[in-house]
mmCIF file of all heavy atoms, coordinates in Angstrom:
data_MODEL
# 
_entry.id   MODEL 
# 
loop_
_atom_site.group_PDB 
_atom_site.id 
_atom_site.type_symbol 
_atom_site.label_atom_id 
_atom_site.label_alt_id 
_atom_site.label_comp_id 
_atom_site.label_asym_id 
_atom_site.label_entity_id 
_atom_site.label_seq_id 
_atom_site.pdbx_PDB_ins_code 
_atom_site.Cartn_x 
_atom_site.Cartn_y 
_atom_site.Cartn_z 
_atom_site.occupancy 
_atom_site.B_iso_or_equiv 
_atom_site.pdbx_formal_charge 
_atom_site.auth_seq_id 
_atom_site.auth_comp_id 
_atom_site.auth_asym_id 
_atom_site.auth_atom_id 
_atom_site.pdbx_PDB_model_num 
ATOM 1   N N   . LEU A 1 1  ? 0.829  -1.168 -0.083  1.00 0.00 ? 1  LEU A N   1 
ATOM 2   C CA  . LEU A 1 1  ? 0.016  0.002  0.007   1.00 0.00 ? 1  LEU A CA  1 
ATOM 3   C C   . LEU A 1 1  ? 0.927  1.276  -0.038  1.00 0.00 ? 1  LEU A C   1 
ATOM 4   O O   . LEU A 1 1  ? 2.001  1.205  0.587   1.00 0.00 ? 1  LEU A O   1 
ATOM 5   C CB  . LEU A 1 1  ? -0.875 -0.008 1.157   1.00 0.00 ? 1  LEU A CB  1 
ATOM 6   C CG  . LEU A 1 1  ? -1.880 1.179  1.402   1.00 0.00 ? 1  LEU A CG  1 
ATOM 7   C CD1 . LEU A 1 1  ? -3.086 0.980  0.441   1.00 0.00 ? 1  LEU A CD1 1 
ATOM 8   C CD2 . LEU A 1 1  ? -2.468 1.193  2.779   1.00 0.00 ? 1  LEU A CD2 1 
ATOM 9   N N   . ALA A 1 2  ? 0.362  2.315  -0.617  1.00 0.00 ? 2  ALA A N   1 
ATOM 10  C CA  . ALA A 1 2  ? 1.016  3.608  -0.572  1.00 0.00 ? 2  ALA A CA  1 
ATOM 11  C C   . ALA A 1 2  ? 2.520  3.655  -0.893  1.00 0.00 ? 2  ALA A C   1 
ATOM 12  O O   . ALA A 1 2  ? 3.359  3.923  -0.072  1.00 0.00 ? 2  ALA A O   1 
ATOM 13  C CB  . ALA A 1 2  ? 0.737  4.272  0.808   1.00 0.00 ? 2  ALA A CB  1 
ATOM 14  N N   . SER A 1 3  ? 2.855  3.124  -2.099  1.00 0.00 ? 3  SER A N   1 
ATOM 15  C CA  . SER A 1 3  ? 4.207  2.945  -2.398  1.00 0.00 ? 3  SER A CA  1 
ATOM 16  C C   . SER A 1 3  ? 4.366  3.198  -3.958  1.00 0.00 ? 3  SER A C   1 
ATOM 17  O O   . SER A 1 3  ? 3.506  3.529  -4.632  1.00 0.00 ? 3  SER A O   1 
ATOM 18  C CB  . SER A 1 3  ? 4.616  1.491  -2.076  1.00 0.00 ? 3  SER A CB  1 
ATOM 19  O OG  . SER A 1 3  ? 4.521  1.192  -0.740  1.00 0.00 ? 3  SER A OG  1 
ATOM 20  N N   . GLN A 1 4  ? 5.648  2.988  -4.384  1.00 0.00 ? 4  GLN A N   1 
ATOM 21  C CA  . GLN A 1 4  ? 5.994  3.031  -5.812  1.00 0.00 ? 4  GLN A CA  1 
ATOM 22  C C   . GLN A 1 4  ? 5.611  4.343  -6.423  1.00 0.00 ? 4  GLN A C   1 
ATOM 23  O O   . GLN A 1 4  ? 4.783  4.450  -7.370  1.00 0.00 ? 4  GLN A O   1 
ATOM 24  C CB  . GLN A 1 4  ? 5.289  1.873  -6.563  1.00 0.00 ? 4  GLN A CB  1 
ATOM 25  C CG  . GLN A 1 4  ? 5.815  0.481  -6.068  1.00 0.00 ? 4  GLN A CG  1 
ATOM 26  C CD  . GLN A 1 4  ? 5.127  -0.704 -6.636  1.00 0.00 ? 4  GLN A CD  1 
ATOM 27  O OE1 . GLN A 1 4  ? 4.140  -0.458 -7.429  1.00 0.00 ? 4  GLN A OE1 1 
ATOM 28  N NE2 . GLN A 1 4  ? 5.467  -1.865 -6.230  1.00 0.00 ? 4  GLN A NE2 1 
ATOM 29  N N   . GLY A 1 5  ? 6.152  5.457  -5.847  1.00 0.00 ? 5  GLY A N   1 
ATOM 30  C CA  . GLY A 1 5  ? 5.759  6.731  -6.316  1.00 0.00 ? 5  GLY A CA  1 
ATOM 31  C C   . GLY A 1 5  ? 4.517  7.264  -5.588  1.00 0.00 ? 5  GLY A C   1 
ATOM 32  O O   . GLY A 1 5  ? 3.497  7.531  -6.351  1.00 0.00 ? 5  GLY A O   1 
ATOM 33  N N   . PHE A 1 6  ? 4.453  7.461  -4.316  1.00 0.00 ? 6  PHE A N   1 
ATOM 34  C CA  . PHE A 1 6  ? 3.323  7.832  -3.571  1.00 0.00 ? 6  PHE A CA  1 
ATOM 35  C C   . PHE A 1 6  ? 3.620  9.143  -2.880  1.00 0.00 ? 6  PHE A C   1 
ATOM 36  O O   . PHE A 1 6  ? 4.584  9.309  -2.107  1.00 0.00 ? 6  PHE A O   1 
ATOM 37  C CB  . PHE A 1 6  ? 2.931  6.821  -2.497  1.00 0.00 ? 6  PHE A CB  1 
ATOM 38  C CG  . PHE A 1 6  ? 2.004  7.224  -1.510  1.00 0.00 ? 6  PHE A CG  1 
ATOM 39  C CD1 . PHE A 1 6  ? 0.633  7.221  -1.831  1.00 0.00 ? 6  PHE A CD1 1 
ATOM 40  C CD2 . PHE A 1 6  ? 2.360  7.652  -0.232  1.00 0.00 ? 6  PHE A CD2 1 
ATOM 41  C CE1 . PHE A 1 6  ? -0.353 7.628  -0.847  1.00 0.00 ? 6  PHE A CE1 1 
ATOM 42  C CE2 . PHE A 1 6  ? 1.372  8.092  0.631   1.00 0.00 ? 6  PHE A CE2 1 
ATOM 43  C CZ  . PHE A 1 6  ? 0.030  8.105  0.311   1.00 0.00 ? 6  PHE A CZ  1 
ATOM 44  N N   . GLY A 1 7  ? 2.698  10.097 -3.049  1.00 0.00 ? 7  GLY A N   1 
ATOM 45  C CA  . GLY A 1 7  ? 2.773  11.338 -2.350  1.00 0.00 ? 7  GLY A CA  1 
ATOM 46  C C   . GLY A 1 7  ? 1.597  11.634 -1.457  1.00 0.00 ? 7  GLY A C   1 
ATOM 47  O O   . GLY A 1 7  ? 0.474  11.908 -2.109  1.00 0.00 ? 7  GLY A O   1 
ATOM 48  N N   . GLY A 1 8  ? 1.696  11.375 -0.170  1.00 0.00 ? 8  GLY A N   1 
ATOM 49  C CA  . GLY A 1 8  ? 0.642  11.764 0.723   1.00 0.00 ? 8  GLY A CA  1 
ATOM 50  C C   . GLY A 1 8  ? 0.641  13.259 1.088   1.00 0.00 ? 8  GLY A C   1 
ATOM 51  O O   . GLY A 1 8  ? 1.414  14.088 0.517   1.00 0.00 ? 8  GLY A O   1 
ATOM 52  N N   . PRO A 1 9  ? -0.153 13.756 1.971   1.00 0.00 ? 9  PRO A N   1 
ATOM 53  C CA  . PRO A 1 9  ? -0.141 15.115 2.402   1.00 0.00 ? 9  PRO A CA  1 
ATOM 54  C C   . PRO A 1 9  ? 1.252  15.689 2.695   1.00 0.00 ? 9  PRO A C   1 
ATOM 55  O O   . PRO A 1 9  ? 1.929  15.063 3.476   1.00 0.00 ? 9  PRO A O   1 
ATOM 56  C CB  . PRO A 1 9  ? -1.147 15.211 3.590   1.00 0.00 ? 9  PRO A CB  1 
ATOM 57  C CG  . PRO A 1 9  ? -2.002 14.019 3.336   1.00 0.00 ? 9  PRO A CG  1 
ATOM 58  C CD  . PRO A 1 9  ? -1.118 12.972 2.704   1.00 0.00 ? 9  PRO A CD  1 
ATOM 59  N N   . GLY A 1 10 ? 1.620  16.831 2.090   1.00 0.00 ? 10 GLY A N   1 
ATOM 60  C CA  . GLY A 1 10 ? 2.808  17.405 2.401   1.00 0.00 ? 10 GLY A CA  1 
ATOM 61  C C   . GLY A 1 10 ? 4.019  16.610 1.842   1.00 0.00 ? 10 GLY A C   1 
ATOM 62  O O   . GLY A 1 10 ? 5.093  16.931 2.139   1.00 0.00 ? 10 GLY A O   1 
ATOM 63  N N   . GLY A 1 11 ? 3.808  15.595 0.959   1.00 0.00 ? 11 GLY A N   1 
ATOM 64  C CA  . GLY A 1 11 ? 4.835  14.677 0.597   1.00 0.00 ? 11 GLY A CA  1 
ATOM 65  C C   . GLY A 1 11 ? 5.095  14.691 -0.886  1.00 0.00 ? 11 GLY A C   1 
ATOM 66  O O   . GLY A 1 11 ? 4.261  14.951 -1.738  1.00 0.00 ? 11 GLY A O   1 
ATOM 67  N N   . TYR A 1 12 ? 6.387  14.529 -1.254  1.00 0.00 ? 12 TYR A N   1 
ATOM 68  C CA  . TYR A 1 12 ? 6.865  14.332 -2.685  1.00 0.00 ? 12 TYR A CA  1 
ATOM 69  C C   . TYR A 1 12 ? 7.609  13.010 -2.718  1.00 0.00 ? 12 TYR A C   1 
ATOM 70  O O   . TYR A 1 12 ? 8.733  12.801 -2.282  1.00 0.00 ? 12 TYR A O   1 
ATOM 71  C CB  . TYR A 1 12 ? 7.814  15.473 -2.991  1.00 0.00 ? 12 TYR A CB  1 
ATOM 72  C CG  . TYR A 1 12 ? 7.151  16.827 -3.064  1.00 0.00 ? 12 TYR A CG  1 
ATOM 73  C CD1 . TYR A 1 12 ? 7.048  17.476 -1.854  1.00 0.00 ? 12 TYR A CD1 1 
ATOM 74  C CD2 . TYR A 1 12 ? 6.668  17.384 -4.187  1.00 0.00 ? 12 TYR A CD2 1 
ATOM 75  C CE1 . TYR A 1 12 ? 6.432  18.768 -1.754  1.00 0.00 ? 12 TYR A CE1 1 
ATOM 76  C CE2 . TYR A 1 12 ? 6.053  18.639 -4.170  1.00 0.00 ? 12 TYR A CE2 1 
ATOM 77  C CZ  . TYR A 1 12 ? 5.938  19.263 -3.030  1.00 0.00 ? 12 TYR A CZ  1 
ATOM 78  O OH  . TYR A 1 12 ? 5.333  20.658 -2.946  1.00 0.00 ? 12 TYR A OH  1 
ATOM 79  N N   . GLY A 1 13 ? 6.926  11.973 -3.325  1.00 0.00 ? 13 GLY A N   1 
ATOM 80  C CA  . GLY A 1 13 ? 7.398  10.582 -3.468  1.00 0.00 ? 13 GLY A CA  1 
ATOM 81  C C   . GLY A 1 13 ? 7.746  10.315 -4.950  1.00 0.00 ? 13 GLY A C   1 
ATOM 82  O O   . GLY A 1 13 ? 6.891  10.472 -5.775  1.00 0.00 ? 13 GLY A O   1 
ATOM 83  N N   . VAL A 1 14 ? 8.998  9.906  -5.218  1.00 0.00 ? 14 VAL A N   1 
ATOM 84  C CA  . VAL A 1 14 ? 9.439  9.605  -6.494  1.00 0.00 ? 14 VAL A CA  1 
ATOM 85  C C   . VAL A 1 14 ? 10.140 8.364  -6.619  1.00 0.00 ? 14 VAL A C   1 
ATOM 86  O O   . VAL A 1 14 ? 11.018 8.087  -5.825  1.00 0.00 ? 14 VAL A O   1 
ATOM 87  C CB  . VAL A 1 14 ? 10.427 10.809 -7.094  1.00 0.00 ? 14 VAL A CB  1 
ATOM 88  C CG1 . VAL A 1 14 ? 10.814 10.568 -8.474  1.00 0.00 ? 14 VAL A CG1 1 
ATOM 89  C CG2 . VAL A 1 14 ? 9.791  12.191 -6.830  1.00 0.00 ? 14 VAL A CG2 1 
ATOM 90  N N   . GLN A 1 15 ? 9.817  7.488  -7.673  1.00 0.00 ? 15 GLN A N   1 
ATOM 91  C CA  . GLN A 1 15 ? 10.516 6.316  -7.951  1.00 0.00 ? 15 GLN A CA  1 
ATOM 92  C C   . GLN A 1 15 ? 10.894 6.408  -9.484  1.00 0.00 ? 15 GLN A C   1 
ATOM 93  O O   . GLN A 1 15 ? 10.057 6.736  -10.289 1.00 0.00 ? 15 GLN A O   1 
ATOM 94  C CB  . GLN A 1 15 ? 9.654  5.055  -7.801  1.00 0.00 ? 15 GLN A CB  1 
ATOM 95  C CG  . GLN A 1 15 ? 10.285 3.750  -8.191  1.00 0.00 ? 15 GLN A CG  1 
ATOM 96  C CD  . GLN A 1 15 ? 9.458  2.516  -7.972  1.00 0.00 ? 15 GLN A CD  1 
ATOM 97  O OE1 . GLN A 1 15 ? 8.354  2.553  -7.512  1.00 0.00 ? 15 GLN A OE1 1 
ATOM 98  N NE2 . GLN A 1 15 ? 10.035 1.421  -8.165  1.00 0.00 ? 15 GLN A NE2 1 
ATOM 99  N N   . VAL A 1 16 ? 12.201 6.096  -9.644  1.00 0.00 ? 16 VAL A N   1 
ATOM 100 C CA  . VAL A 1 16 ? 12.776 6.070  -11.010 1.00 0.00 ? 16 VAL A CA  1 
ATOM 101 C C   . VAL A 1 16 ? 13.423 4.804  -11.272 1.00 0.00 ? 16 VAL A C   1 
ATOM 102 O O   . VAL A 1 16 ? 14.306 4.341  -10.506 1.00 0.00 ? 16 VAL A O   1 
ATOM 103 C CB  . VAL A 1 16 ? 13.793 7.269  -11.165 1.00 0.00 ? 16 VAL A CB  1 
ATOM 104 C CG1 . VAL A 1 16 ? 14.359 7.323  -12.564 1.00 0.00 ? 16 VAL A CG1 1 
ATOM 105 C CG2 . VAL A 1 16 ? 13.108 8.601  -10.761 1.00 0.00 ? 16 VAL A CG2 1 
ATOM 106 N N   . ASP A 1 17 ? 13.118 4.242  -12.518 1.00 0.00 ? 17 ASP A N   1 
ATOM 107 C CA  . ASP A 1 17 ? 13.868 3.030  -12.960 1.00 0.00 ? 17 ASP A CA  1 
ATOM 108 C C   . ASP A 1 17 ? 14.375 3.306  -14.428 1.00 0.00 ? 17 ASP A C   1 
ATOM 109 O O   . ASP A 1 17 ? 13.594 3.753  -15.276 1.00 0.00 ? 17 ASP A O   1 
ATOM 110 C CB  . ASP A 1 17 ? 12.963 1.862  -12.971 1.00 0.00 ? 17 ASP A CB  1 
ATOM 111 C CG  . ASP A 1 17 ? 13.713 0.506  -13.342 1.00 0.00 ? 17 ASP A CG  1 
ATOM 112 O OD1 . ASP A 1 17 ? 14.169 0.293  -14.453 1.00 0.00 ? 17 ASP A OD1 1 
ATOM 113 O OD2 . ASP A 1 17 ? 13.893 -0.300 -12.405 1.00 0.00 ? 17 ASP A OD2 1 
ATOM 114 N N   . ARG A 1 18 ? 15.649 3.237  -14.566 1.00 0.00 ? 18 ARG A N   1 
ATOM 115 C CA  . ARG A 1 18 ? 16.307 3.764  -15.819 1.00 0.00 ? 18 ARG A CA  1 
ATOM 116 C C   . ARG A 1 18 ? 16.415 2.710  -16.928 1.00 0.00 ? 18 ARG A C   1 
ATOM 117 O O   . ARG A 1 18 ? 16.398 3.062  -18.089 1.00 0.00 ? 18 ARG A O   1 
ATOM 118 C CB  . ARG A 1 18 ? 17.640 4.335  -15.523 1.00 0.00 ? 18 ARG A CB  1 
ATOM 119 C CG  . ARG A 1 18 ? 17.673 5.458  -14.635 1.00 0.00 ? 18 ARG A CG  1 
ATOM 120 C CD  . ARG A 1 18 ? 19.088 6.104  -14.480 1.00 0.00 ? 18 ARG A CD  1 
ATOM 121 N NE  . ARG A 1 18 ? 19.579 6.551  -15.749 1.00 0.00 ? 18 ARG A NE  1 
ATOM 122 C CZ  . ARG A 1 18 ? 20.895 7.006  -15.894 1.00 0.00 ? 18 ARG A CZ  1 
ATOM 123 N NH1 . ARG A 1 18 ? 21.677 6.989  -14.896 1.00 0.00 ? 18 ARG A NH1 1 
ATOM 124 N NH2 . ARG A 1 18 ? 21.246 7.329  -17.081 1.00 0.00 ? 18 ARG A NH2 1 
ATOM 125 N N   . SER A 1 19 ? 16.289 1.424  -16.619 1.00 0.00 ? 19 SER A N   1 
ATOM 126 C CA  . SER A 1 19 ? 16.429 0.352  -17.676 1.00 0.00 ? 19 SER A CA  1 
ATOM 127 C C   . SER A 1 19 ? 16.102 -0.992 -17.122 1.00 0.00 ? 19 SER A C   1 
ATOM 128 O O   . SER A 1 19 ? 16.061 -1.194 -15.998 1.00 0.00 ? 19 SER A O   1 
ATOM 129 C CB  . SER A 1 19 ? 17.833 0.427  -18.337 1.00 0.00 ? 19 SER A CB  1 
ATOM 130 O OG  . SER A 1 19 ? 18.821 -0.049 -17.365 1.00 0.00 ? 19 SER A OG  1 
ATOM 131 N N   . GLY A 1 20 ? 15.823 -1.878 -18.058 1.00 0.00 ? 20 GLY A N   1 
ATOM 132 C CA  . GLY A 1 20 ? 15.428 -3.225 -17.776 1.00 0.00 ? 20 GLY A CA  1 
ATOM 133 C C   . GLY A 1 20 ? 14.032 -3.559 -17.932 1.00 0.00 ? 20 GLY A C   1 
ATOM 134 O O   . GLY A 1 20 ? 13.146 -2.667 -17.998 1.00 0.00 ? 20 GLY A O   1 
ATOM 135 N N   . ASP A 1 21 ? 13.606 -4.852 -18.005 1.00 0.00 ? 21 ASP A N   1 
ATOM 136 C CA  . ASP A 1 21 ? 12.233 -5.352 -18.039 1.00 0.00 ? 21 ASP A CA  1 
ATOM 137 C C   . ASP A 1 21 ? 11.776 -5.538 -16.651 1.00 0.00 ? 21 ASP A C   1 
ATOM 138 O O   . ASP A 1 21 ? 12.162 -6.522 -15.945 1.00 0.00 ? 21 ASP A O   1 
ATOM 139 C CB  . ASP A 1 21 ? 12.184 -6.656 -18.854 1.00 0.00 ? 21 ASP A CB  1 
ATOM 140 C CG  . ASP A 1 21 ? 12.718 -6.420 -20.321 1.00 0.00 ? 21 ASP A CG  1 
ATOM 141 O OD1 . ASP A 1 21 ? 12.617 -5.284 -20.763 1.00 0.00 ? 21 ASP A OD1 1 
ATOM 142 O OD2 . ASP A 1 21 ? 13.174 -7.462 -20.870 1.00 0.00 ? 21 ASP A OD2 1 
ATOM 143 N N   . ASP A 1 22 ? 10.978 -4.662 -16.081 1.00 0.00 ? 22 ASP A N   1 
ATOM 144 C CA  . ASP A 1 22 ? 10.601 -4.595 -14.672 1.00 0.00 ? 22 ASP A CA  1 
ATOM 145 C C   . ASP A 1 22 ? 9.228  -5.006 -14.457 1.00 0.00 ? 22 ASP A C   1 
ATOM 146 O O   . ASP A 1 22 ? 8.286  -4.918 -15.351 1.00 0.00 ? 22 ASP A O   1 
ATOM 147 C CB  . ASP A 1 22 ? 10.899 -3.223 -14.187 1.00 0.00 ? 22 ASP A CB  1 
ATOM 148 C CG  . ASP A 1 22 ? 12.330 -2.761 -14.483 1.00 0.00 ? 22 ASP A CG  1 
ATOM 149 O OD1 . ASP A 1 22 ? 13.221 -3.496 -14.140 1.00 0.00 ? 22 ASP A OD1 1 
ATOM 150 O OD2 . ASP A 1 22 ? 12.497 -1.634 -15.069 1.00 0.00 ? 22 ASP A OD2 1 
ATOM 151 N N   . TYR A 1 23 ? 8.938  -5.397 -13.200 1.00 0.00 ? 23 TYR A N   1 
ATOM 152 C CA  . TYR A 1 23 ? 7.532  -5.778 -12.754 1.00 0.00 ? 23 TYR A CA  1 
ATOM 153 C C   . TYR A 1 23 ? 7.200  -5.084 -11.588 1.00 0.00 ? 23 TYR A C   1 
ATOM 154 O O   . TYR A 1 23 ? 7.906  -5.090 -10.555 1.00 0.00 ? 23 TYR A O   1 
ATOM 155 C CB  . TYR A 1 23 ? 7.565  -7.336 -12.557 1.00 0.00 ? 23 TYR A CB  1 
ATOM 156 C CG  . TYR A 1 23 ? 6.261  -7.846 -11.959 1.00 0.00 ? 23 TYR A CG  1 
ATOM 157 C CD1 . TYR A 1 23 ? 5.125  -7.995 -12.688 1.00 0.00 ? 23 TYR A CD1 1 
ATOM 158 C CD2 . TYR A 1 23 ? 6.151  -8.204 -10.507 1.00 0.00 ? 23 TYR A CD2 1 
ATOM 159 C CE1 . TYR A 1 23 ? 3.898  -8.564 -12.157 1.00 0.00 ? 23 TYR A CE1 1 
ATOM 160 C CE2 . TYR A 1 23 ? 4.967  -8.633 -10.022 1.00 0.00 ? 23 TYR A CE2 1 
ATOM 161 C CZ  . TYR A 1 23 ? 3.892  -8.730 -10.851 1.00 0.00 ? 23 TYR A CZ  1 
ATOM 162 O OH  . TYR A 1 23 ? 2.703  -9.300 -10.228 1.00 0.00 ? 23 TYR A OH  1 
ATOM 163 N N   . TYR A 1 24 ? 5.988  -4.443 -11.563 1.00 0.00 ? 24 TYR A N   1 
ATOM 164 C CA  . TYR A 1 24 ? 5.514  -3.709 -10.478 1.00 0.00 ? 24 TYR A CA  1 
ATOM 165 C C   . TYR A 1 24 ? 4.123  -4.314 -9.951  1.00 0.00 ? 24 TYR A C   1 
ATOM 166 O O   . TYR A 1 24 ? 3.292  -4.526 -10.717 1.00 0.00 ? 24 TYR A O   1 
ATOM 167 C CB  . TYR A 1 24 ? 5.153  -2.208 -10.896 1.00 0.00 ? 24 TYR A CB  1 
ATOM 168 C CG  . TYR A 1 24 ? 6.417  -1.469 -11.332 1.00 0.00 ? 24 TYR A CG  1 
ATOM 169 C CD1 . TYR A 1 24 ? 6.876  -1.573 -12.605 1.00 0.00 ? 24 TYR A CD1 1 
ATOM 170 C CD2 . TYR A 1 24 ? 7.123  -0.569 -10.428 1.00 0.00 ? 24 TYR A CD2 1 
ATOM 171 C CE1 . TYR A 1 24 ? 8.015  -0.815 -13.016 1.00 0.00 ? 24 TYR A CE1 1 
ATOM 172 C CE2 . TYR A 1 24 ? 8.241  0.148  -10.808 1.00 0.00 ? 24 TYR A CE2 1 
ATOM 173 C CZ  . TYR A 1 24 ? 8.675  0.029  -12.114 1.00 0.00 ? 24 TYR A CZ  1 
ATOM 174 O OH  . TYR A 1 24 ? 9.670  0.712  -12.549 1.00 0.00 ? 24 TYR A OH  1 
ATOM 175 N N   . GLU A 1 25 ? 4.036  -4.558 -8.658  1.00 0.00 ? 25 GLU A N   1 
ATOM 176 C CA  . GLU A 1 25 ? 2.827  -5.066 -8.138  1.00 0.00 ? 25 GLU A CA  1 
ATOM 177 C C   . GLU A 1 25 ? 2.468  -4.330 -6.798  1.00 0.00 ? 25 GLU A C   1 
ATOM 178 O O   . GLU A 1 25 ? 3.423  -4.220 -5.905  1.00 0.00 ? 25 GLU A O   1 
ATOM 179 C CB  . GLU A 1 25 ? 2.949  -6.610 -7.927  1.00 0.00 ? 25 GLU A CB  1 
ATOM 180 C CG  . GLU A 1 25 ? 1.703  -7.233 -7.246  1.00 0.00 ? 25 GLU A CG  1 
ATOM 181 C CD  . GLU A 1 25 ? 1.945  -8.675 -6.922  1.00 0.00 ? 25 GLU A CD  1 
ATOM 182 O OE1 . GLU A 1 25 ? 2.717  -9.368 -7.633  1.00 0.00 ? 25 GLU A OE1 1 
ATOM 183 O OE2 . GLU A 1 25 ? 1.354  -9.112 -5.920  1.00 0.00 ? 25 GLU A OE2 1 
ATOM 184 N N   . CYS A 1 26 ? 1.246  -4.000 -6.618  1.00 0.00 ? 26 CYS A N   1 
ATOM 185 C CA  . CYS A 1 26 ? 0.868  -3.268 -5.386  1.00 0.00 ? 26 CYS A CA  1 
ATOM 186 C C   . CYS A 1 26 ? -0.616 -3.334 -5.116  1.00 0.00 ? 26 CYS A C   1 
ATOM 187 O O   . CYS A 1 26 ? -1.411 -3.275 -6.051  1.00 0.00 ? 26 CYS A O   1 
ATOM 188 C CB  . CYS A 1 26 ? 1.246  -1.739 -5.556  1.00 0.00 ? 26 CYS A CB  1 
ATOM 189 S SG  . CYS A 1 26 ? 0.919  -0.688 -3.994  1.00 0.00 ? 26 CYS A SG  1 
# 
């Protein structure tokens, strides 16, 4: 929960992946 580039109140959340075959689950 609340992950992988998540910005809650007053927050700046950043996720960066530059290369590769990737898998995201949430």
